[in-house]
Amino acid sequence: PTTYSTLNILLQDVPAGDDYFLLCLNSTDGVTFGISSRFTVSNSSSSSNPSPDPSVPTVTVSGTPDPLKVFATTLGPASNGAHGLLYGNEPGIWGVLVMMGAAVLSGVWTLW
């Protein structure tokens, strides 16, 4: 899998405030990949815009924080990052097939 030590974050329409933090997690299984330290968002008129790092992806965060709102930002796929559901799992497939065959055979034998 691809890992990054930095990530560009663009804040749009995020209100000024203290104690913001970013949480990177897989919303499917709940695995947390990283939590940022707490930071403050100030008014745009009183801060400068740093230049982004062109070698890493940019994530855009917009709107007010709402913990009940479903959200997600999808990063681009990594080349060769994931296998298919059954690709490369031949022993597991054979195990399931043998167990299903044994269950069917046992049922037929019981009814015979």
C-alpha atoms as a PDB file:
ATOM      1  CA  PRO A   1       0.000   0.000   0.000  1.00  0.00           C
ATOM      2  CA  THR A   2       0.985   3.597  -0.523  1.00  0.00           C
ATOM      3  CA  THR A   3       1.921   5.635   2.536  1.00  0.00           C
ATOM      4  CA  TYR A   4       2.470   9.362   2.882  1.00  0.00           C
ATOM      5  CA  SER A   5       4.222  11.281   5.631  1.00  0.00           C
ATOM      6  CA  THR A   6       2.464  14.500   4.548  1.00  0.00           C
ATOM      7  CA  LEU A   7      -0.868  15.395   3.000  1.00  0.00           C
ATOM      8  CA  ASN A   8      -2.095  18.667   1.479  1.00  0.00           C
ATOM      9  CA  ILE A   9      -5.320  19.852   3.123  1.00  0.00           C
ATOM     10  CA  LEU A  10      -7.386  22.671   1.617  1.00  0.00           C
ATOM     11  CA  LEU A  11      -9.952  24.206   3.988  1.00  0.00           C
ATOM     12  CA  GLN A  12     -12.983  25.799   2.305  1.00  0.00           C
ATOM     13  CA  ASP A  13     -15.781  27.500   4.250  1.00  0.00           C
ATOM     14  CA  VAL A  14     -14.542  26.077   7.555  1.00  0.00           C
ATOM     15  CA  PRO A  15     -15.384  28.453  10.416  1.00  0.00           C
ATOM     16  CA  ALA A  16     -12.602  29.833  12.613  1.00  0.00           C
ATOM     17  CA  GLY A  17     -12.158  27.920  15.849  1.00  0.00           C
ATOM     18  CA  ASP A  18      -9.907  25.979  18.217  1.00  0.00           C
ATOM     19  CA  ASP A  19      -9.438  22.256  18.809  1.00  0.00           C
ATOM     20  CA  TYR A  20      -9.880  21.054  15.243  1.00  0.00           C
ATOM     21  CA  PHE A  21      -8.251  17.741  14.306  1.00  0.00           C
ATOM     22  CA  LEU A  22      -8.300  15.442  11.295  1.00  0.00           C
ATOM     23  CA  LEU A  23      -9.080  11.764  11.534  1.00  0.00           C
ATOM     24  CA  CYS A  24      -8.123   9.394   8.693  1.00  0.00           C
ATOM     25  CA  LEU A  25     -10.054   6.153   8.885  1.00  0.00           C
ATOM     26  CA  ASN A  26     -11.571   3.449   6.748  1.00  0.00           C
ATOM     27  CA  SER A  27     -15.308   3.961   7.232  1.00  0.00           C
ATOM     28  CA  THR A  28     -16.056   0.396   6.075  1.00  0.00           C
ATOM     29  CA  ASP A  29     -14.353  -1.457   8.919  1.00  0.00           C
ATOM     30  CA  GLY A  30     -13.495   1.439  11.260  1.00  0.00           C
ATOM     31  CA  VAL A  31      -9.710   1.092  11.117  1.00  0.00           C
ATOM     32  CA  THR A  32      -8.032   4.372  12.113  1.00  0.00           C
ATOM     33  CA  PHE A  33      -4.964   5.207  10.035  1.00  0.00           C
ATOM     34  CA  GLY A  34      -3.998   8.505  11.609  1.00  0.00           C
ATOM     35  CA  ILE A  35      -5.100  11.338  13.876  1.00  0.00           C
ATOM     36  CA  SER A  36      -3.595  14.799  13.590  1.00  0.00           C
ATOM     37  CA  SER A  37      -2.655  16.918  16.558  1.00  0.00           C
ATOM     38  CA  ARG A  38      -5.175  19.626  17.458  1.00  0.00           C
ATOM     39  CA  PHE A  39      -4.945  22.861  15.499  1.00  0.00           C
ATOM     40  CA  THR A  40      -6.628  26.245  15.210  1.00  0.00           C
ATOM     41  CA  VAL A  41      -8.356  27.647  12.140  1.00  0.00           C
ATOM     42  CA  SER A  42      -8.095  31.440  11.959  1.00  0.00           C
ATOM     43  CA  ASN A  43      -9.825  33.934   9.673  1.00  0.00           C
ATOM     44  CA  SER A  44      -8.486  33.882   6.130  1.00  0.00           C
ATOM     45  CA  SER A  45      -7.717  37.611   6.230  1.00  0.00           C
ATOM     46  CA  SER A  46      -5.208  37.138   9.059  1.00  0.00           C
ATOM     47  CA  SER A  47      -3.242  34.201   7.654  1.00  0.00           C
ATOM     48  CA  SER A  48      -1.097  33.334   4.663  1.00  0.00           C
ATOM     49  CA  ASN A  49      -1.561  30.518   2.174  1.00  0.00           C
ATOM     50  CA  PRO A  50       1.390  28.115   2.159  1.00  0.00           C
ATOM     51  CA  SER A  51       2.311  26.480  -1.132  1.00  0.00           C
ATOM     52  CA  PRO A  52       1.161  22.839  -1.433  1.00  0.00           C
ATOM     53  CA  ASP A  53       3.525  19.910  -1.901  1.00  0.00           C
ATOM     54  CA  PRO A  54       2.975  18.711  -5.513  1.00  0.00           C
ATOM     55  CA  SER A  55       4.188  15.166  -4.748  1.00  0.00           C
ATOM     56  CA  VAL A  56       1.301  14.249  -2.406  1.00  0.00           C
ATOM     57  CA  PRO A  57      -2.513  14.278  -2.832  1.00  0.00           C
ATOM     58  CA  THR A  58      -4.687  17.218  -1.772  1.00  0.00           C
ATOM     59  CA  VAL A  59      -7.801  16.659   0.347  1.00  0.00           C
ATOM     60  CA  THR A  60     -10.473  19.382   0.438  1.00  0.00           C
ATOM     61  CA  VAL A  61     -12.418  19.887   3.671  1.00  0.00           C
ATOM     62  CA  SER A  62     -15.457  22.163   3.492  1.00  0.00           C
ATOM     63  CA  GLY A  63     -18.331  23.235   5.688  1.00  0.00           C
ATOM     64  CA  THR A  64     -18.890  23.251   9.420  1.00  0.00           C
ATOM     65  CA  PRO A  65     -18.038  20.229  11.574  1.00  0.00           C
ATOM     66  CA  ASP A  66     -21.012  17.892  11.973  1.00  0.00           C
ATOM     67  CA  PRO A  67     -20.254  14.543  13.646  1.00  0.00           C
ATOM     68  CA  LEU A  68     -23.620  13.115  12.564  1.00  0.00           C
ATOM     69  CA  LYS A  69     -23.076  13.872   8.885  1.00  0.00           C
ATOM     70  CA  VAL A  70     -21.707  11.091   6.700  1.00  0.00           C
ATOM     71  CA  PHE A  71     -18.523  12.184   4.958  1.00  0.00           C
ATOM     72  CA  ALA A  72     -15.739  10.662   2.928  1.00  0.00           C
ATOM     73  CA  THR A  73     -12.849  11.725   0.764  1.00  0.00           C
ATOM     74  CA  THR A  74     -11.574   9.067  -1.580  1.00  0.00           C
ATOM     75  CA  LEU A  75      -7.887   9.068  -2.392  1.00  0.00           C
ATOM     76  CA  GLY A  76      -6.768   7.671  -5.735  1.00  0.00           C
ATOM     77  CA  PRO A  77      -5.989   3.967  -6.011  1.00  0.00           C
ATOM     78  CA  ALA A  78      -2.476   2.693  -5.529  1.00  0.00           C
ATOM     79  CA  SER A  79      -1.152   0.525  -8.331  1.00  0.00           C
ATOM     80  CA  ASN A  80      -1.349  -3.143  -7.324  1.00  0.00           C
ATOM     81  CA  GLY A  81      -2.788  -2.041  -3.989  1.00  0.00           C
ATOM     82  CA  ALA A  82      -5.517  -4.649  -3.550  1.00  0.00           C
ATOM     83  CA  HIS A  83      -6.368  -8.141  -4.708  1.00  0.00           C
ATOM     84  CA  GLY A  84      -9.713  -9.398  -5.891  1.00  0.00           C
ATOM     85  CA  LEU A  85     -12.025 -11.113  -3.417  1.00  0.00           C
ATOM     86  CA  LEU A  86     -10.821 -14.655  -4.177  1.00  0.00           C
ATOM     87  CA  TYR A  87      -7.627 -13.911  -6.081  1.00  0.00           C
ATOM     88  CA  GLY A  88      -4.637 -15.675  -4.563  1.00  0.00           C
ATOM     89  CA  ASN A  89      -6.725 -17.569  -2.001  1.00  0.00           C
ATOM     90  CA  GLU A  90      -6.898 -21.001  -3.614  1.00  0.00           C
ATOM     91  CA  PRO A  91      -6.384 -22.979  -0.355  1.00  0.00           C
ATOM     92  CA  GLY A  92      -9.310 -21.133   1.217  1.00  0.00           C
ATOM     93  CA  ILE A  93     -11.548 -21.824  -1.763  1.00  0.00           C
ATOM     94  CA  TRP A  94     -10.657 -25.523  -1.722  1.00  0.00           C
ATOM     95  CA  GLY A  95     -11.356 -25.674   2.012  1.00  0.00           C
ATOM     96  CA  VAL A  96     -14.815 -24.163   1.569  1.00  0.00           C
ATOM     97  CA  LEU A  97     -15.607 -26.502  -1.344  1.00  0.00           C
ATOM     98  CA  VAL A  98     -14.518 -29.605   0.609  1.00  0.00           C
ATOM     99  CA  MET A  99     -16.597 -28.581   3.643  1.00  0.00           C
ATOM    100  CA  MET A 100     -19.674 -27.907   1.485  1.00  0.00           C
ATOM    101  CA  GLY A 101     -19.222 -31.264  -0.245  1.00  0.00           C
ATOM    102  CA  ALA A 102     -18.924 -33.021   3.113  1.00  0.00           C
ATOM    103  CA  ALA A 103     -22.092 -31.303   4.359  1.00  0.00           C
ATOM    104  CA  VAL A 104     -24.061 -32.327   1.253  1.00  0.00           C
ATOM    105  CA  LEU A 105     -22.742 -35.898   1.453  1.00  0.00           C
ATOM    106  CA  SER A 106     -23.647 -36.088   5.164  1.00  0.00           C
ATOM    107  CA  GLY A 107     -27.166 -34.850   4.431  1.00  0.00           C
ATOM    108  CA  VAL A 108     -27.670 -37.399   1.656  1.00  0.00           C
ATOM    109  CA  TRP A 109     -26.277 -40.176   3.852  1.00  0.00           C
ATOM    110  CA  THR A 110     -28.625 -39.173   6.698  1.00  0.00           C
ATOM    111  CA  LEU A 111     -31.680 -39.242   4.437  1.00  0.00           C
ATOM    112  CA  TRP A 112     -30.681 -42.517   2.795  1.00  0.00           C
END
